[in-house]
Amino acid sequence: MSAEIVNLRQFRKASRRAEKERQAAINREKFGRTKGNKLAQSKERKRDERNLDGAHLDQSKPGRDDDTP
């Protein structure tokens, strides 16, 4: 009957790596976004900025008094 010899330091390191990978997988699921989601959100933000910029009133029109309401 021969038992497999195990280096405890390597075993501990492997178990820590496995735990970190498990936590990383949980975090990816919880906080991660796909490339498609990031791209869609970026396009939506740019579109919203363009719409907002187009809705600004031009305050520098000639003949306009700043004192009048």
N, C-alpha and C. Protein backbone atom coordinates (compact mmCIF):
# COMPACT_ATOMS: atom_id res chain seq x y z
N MET A 1 0.85 -1.17 0.00
CA MET A 1 0.00 0.00 0.00
C MET A 1 0.90 1.24 0.00
N SER A 2 0.88 1.96 -1.11
CA SER A 2 1.71 3.16 -1.18
C SER A 2 0.81 4.39 -1.39
N ALA A 3 1.07 5.37 -0.61
CA ALA A 3 0.29 6.61 -0.69
C ALA A 3 0.99 7.59 -1.62
N GLU A 4 0.21 8.42 -2.23
CA GLU A 4 0.80 9.42 -3.12
C GLU A 4 1.41 10.54 -2.27
N ILE A 5 2.64 10.89 -2.61
CA ILE A 5 3.33 11.94 -1.86
C ILE A 5 2.84 13.29 -2.40
N VAL A 6 2.43 14.15 -1.46
CA VAL A 6 1.89 15.45 -1.83
C VAL A 6 2.69 16.54 -1.14
N ASN A 7 3.11 17.52 -1.91
CA ASN A 7 3.79 18.67 -1.33
C ASN A 7 2.70 19.61 -0.81
N LEU A 8 2.66 19.82 0.50
CA LEU A 8 1.59 20.62 1.10
C LEU A 8 1.61 22.06 0.63
N ARG A 9 2.79 22.63 0.40
CA ARG A 9 2.88 24.01 -0.08
C ARG A 9 2.21 24.14 -1.44
N GLN A 10 2.50 23.21 -2.33
CA GLN A 10 1.89 23.25 -3.65
C GLN A 10 0.39 23.00 -3.56
N PHE A 11 -0.02 22.13 -2.67
CA PHE A 11 -1.44 21.86 -2.48
C PHE A 11 -2.16 23.11 -2.00
N ARG A 12 -1.56 23.83 -1.04
CA ARG A 12 -2.17 25.06 -0.53
C ARG A 12 -2.26 26.13 -1.62
N LYS A 13 -1.19 26.27 -2.39
CA LYS A 13 -1.20 27.25 -3.48
C LYS A 13 -2.29 26.91 -4.50
N ALA A 14 -2.41 25.65 -4.82
CA ALA A 14 -3.42 25.23 -5.80
C ALA A 14 -4.82 25.49 -5.26
N SER A 15 -5.04 25.24 -3.99
CA SER A 15 -6.37 25.47 -3.42
C SER A 15 -6.67 26.97 -3.37
N ARG A 16 -5.65 27.81 -3.08
CA ARG A 16 -5.87 29.27 -3.08
C ARG A 16 -6.19 29.76 -4.49
N ARG A 17 -5.47 29.24 -5.49
CA ARG A 17 -5.74 29.63 -6.87
C ARG A 17 -7.15 29.24 -7.28
N ALA A 18 -7.57 28.06 -6.89
CA ALA A 18 -8.92 27.60 -7.22
C ALA A 18 -9.97 28.49 -6.55
N GLU A 19 -9.72 28.89 -5.31
CA GLU A 19 -10.66 29.77 -4.60
C GLU A 19 -10.72 31.14 -5.26
N LYS A 20 -9.56 31.68 -5.66
CA LYS A 20 -9.54 32.98 -6.34
C LYS A 20 -10.27 32.90 -7.68
N GLU A 21 -10.09 31.81 -8.40
CA GLU A 21 -10.77 31.65 -9.68
C GLU A 21 -12.28 31.55 -9.48
N ARG A 22 -12.70 30.86 -8.42
CA ARG A 22 -14.13 30.75 -8.12
C ARG A 22 -14.70 32.12 -7.81
N GLN A 23 -13.98 32.92 -7.01
CA GLN A 23 -14.44 34.27 -6.67
C GLN A 23 -14.46 35.16 -7.91
N ALA A 24 -13.47 35.02 -8.78
CA ALA A 24 -13.42 35.80 -10.01
C ALA A 24 -14.61 35.47 -10.91
N ALA A 25 -14.98 34.20 -10.98
CA ALA A 25 -16.13 33.80 -11.79
C ALA A 25 -17.42 34.41 -11.23
N ILE A 26 -17.53 34.44 -9.91
CA ILE A 26 -18.72 35.05 -9.29
C ILE A 26 -18.75 36.54 -9.62
N ASN A 27 -17.60 37.23 -9.51
CA ASN A 27 -17.54 38.65 -9.80
C ASN A 27 -17.82 38.95 -11.26
N ARG A 28 -17.30 38.10 -12.18
CA ARG A 28 -17.58 38.31 -13.60
C ARG A 28 -19.07 38.22 -13.86
N GLU A 29 -19.72 37.27 -13.22
CA GLU A 29 -21.16 37.11 -13.40
C GLU A 29 -21.92 38.28 -12.80
N LYS A 30 -21.45 38.76 -11.67
CA LYS A 30 -22.15 39.81 -10.93
C LYS A 30 -21.95 41.18 -11.57
N PHE A 31 -20.70 41.51 -11.94
CA PHE A 31 -20.38 42.86 -12.39
C PHE A 31 -20.00 42.97 -13.86
N GLY A 32 -19.70 41.87 -14.48
CA GLY A 32 -19.18 41.91 -15.83
C GLY A 32 -20.23 42.27 -16.86
N ARG A 33 -19.77 42.90 -17.93
CA ARG A 33 -20.65 43.22 -19.05
C ARG A 33 -19.99 42.69 -20.31
N THR A 34 -20.79 42.27 -21.24
CA THR A 34 -20.24 41.77 -22.49
C THR A 34 -19.81 42.94 -23.36
N LYS A 35 -19.01 42.65 -24.34
CA LYS A 35 -18.54 43.69 -25.26
C LYS A 35 -19.73 44.33 -25.98
N GLY A 36 -20.70 43.52 -26.33
CA GLY A 36 -21.90 44.04 -26.99
C GLY A 36 -22.67 45.00 -26.10
N ASN A 37 -22.77 44.68 -24.81
CA ASN A 37 -23.45 45.58 -23.87
C ASN A 37 -22.71 46.91 -23.76
N LYS A 38 -21.38 46.85 -23.65
CA LYS A 38 -20.59 48.07 -23.54
C LYS A 38 -20.74 48.93 -24.80
N LEU A 39 -20.70 48.30 -25.96
CA LEU A 39 -20.82 49.03 -27.21
C LEU A 39 -22.20 49.66 -27.34
N ALA A 40 -23.24 48.92 -27.00
CA ALA A 40 -24.60 49.45 -27.08
C ALA A 40 -24.79 50.63 -26.14
N GLN A 41 -24.26 50.52 -24.93
CA GLN A 41 -24.38 51.62 -23.97
C GLN A 41 -23.61 52.84 -24.45
N SER A 42 -22.44 52.64 -25.04
CA SER A 42 -21.65 53.74 -25.55
C SER A 42 -22.39 54.46 -26.68
N LYS A 43 -22.96 53.69 -27.59
CA LYS A 43 -23.72 54.30 -28.70
C LYS A 43 -24.93 55.06 -28.18
N GLU A 44 -25.62 54.50 -27.19
CA GLU A 44 -26.79 55.16 -26.62
C GLU A 44 -26.39 56.47 -25.94
N ARG A 45 -25.27 56.46 -25.21
CA ARG A 45 -24.80 57.66 -24.52
C ARG A 45 -24.44 58.75 -25.53
N LYS A 46 -23.75 58.37 -26.63
CA LYS A 46 -23.39 59.35 -27.66
C LYS A 46 -24.63 59.93 -28.33
N ARG A 47 -25.62 59.07 -28.59
CA ARG A 47 -26.86 59.54 -29.20
C ARG A 47 -27.58 60.52 -28.28
N ASP A 48 -27.62 60.20 -26.99
CA ASP A 48 -28.26 61.09 -26.02
C ASP A 48 -27.54 62.43 -25.93
N GLU A 49 -26.21 62.41 -25.98
CA GLU A 49 -25.44 63.66 -25.94
C GLU A 49 -25.72 64.51 -27.17
N ARG A 50 -25.80 63.88 -28.34
CA ARG A 50 -26.12 64.63 -29.56
C ARG A 50 -27.51 65.26 -29.47
N ASN A 51 -28.48 64.49 -28.98
CA ASN A 51 -29.83 65.02 -28.85
C ASN A 51 -29.88 66.17 -27.86
N LEU A 52 -29.15 66.05 -26.77
CA LEU A 52 -29.12 67.10 -25.76
C LEU A 52 -28.44 68.35 -26.32
N ASP A 53 -27.34 68.17 -27.02
CA ASP A 53 -26.63 69.32 -27.60
C ASP A 53 -27.49 70.01 -28.65
N GLY A 54 -28.28 69.26 -29.37
CA GLY A 54 -29.16 69.85 -30.38
C GLY A 54 -30.33 70.59 -29.77
N ALA A 55 -30.64 70.33 -28.52
CA ALA A 55 -31.77 70.97 -27.87
C ALA A 55 -31.38 72.25 -27.12
N HIS A 56 -30.09 72.55 -27.06
CA HIS A 56 -29.65 73.77 -26.37
C HIS A 56 -30.10 75.00 -27.13
N LEU A 57 -30.49 76.03 -26.41
CA LEU A 57 -30.84 77.30 -27.02
C LEU A 57 -29.56 78.09 -27.22
N ASP A 58 -29.50 78.79 -28.34
CA ASP A 58 -28.33 79.60 -28.63
C ASP A 58 -28.50 80.94 -27.94
N GLN A 59 -27.68 81.22 -26.95
CA GLN A 59 -27.78 82.45 -26.17
C GLN A 59 -27.08 83.62 -26.84
N SER A 60 -26.34 83.39 -27.91
CA SER A 60 -25.56 84.46 -28.52
C SER A 60 -26.22 85.03 -29.77
N LYS A 61 -27.54 84.95 -29.88
CA LYS A 61 -28.23 85.51 -31.04
C LYS A 61 -28.18 87.03 -30.96
N PRO A 62 -27.94 87.70 -32.09
CA PRO A 62 -27.91 89.16 -32.07
C PRO A 62 -29.30 89.74 -31.79
N GLY A 63 -29.33 90.87 -31.07
CA GLY A 63 -30.58 91.53 -30.77
C GLY A 63 -31.25 90.99 -29.53
N ARG A 64 -30.67 90.06 -28.88
CA ARG A 64 -31.27 89.52 -27.66
C ARG A 64 -30.67 90.21 -26.46
N ASP A 65 -31.54 90.67 -25.59
CA ASP A 65 -31.11 91.30 -24.35
C ASP A 65 -31.03 90.24 -23.26
N ASP A 66 -29.93 90.19 -22.56
CA ASP A 66 -29.79 89.21 -21.48
C ASP A 66 -30.61 89.59 -20.26
N ASP A 67 -30.97 90.90 -20.14
CA ASP A 67 -31.72 91.37 -18.98
C ASP A 67 -33.20 91.04 -19.08
N THR A 68 -33.72 90.85 -20.28
CA THR A 68 -35.14 90.59 -20.45
C THR A 68 -35.45 89.12 -20.24
N PRO A 69 -36.58 88.81 -19.65
CA PRO A 69 -36.92 87.40 -19.42
C PRO A 69 -37.29 86.67 -20.68
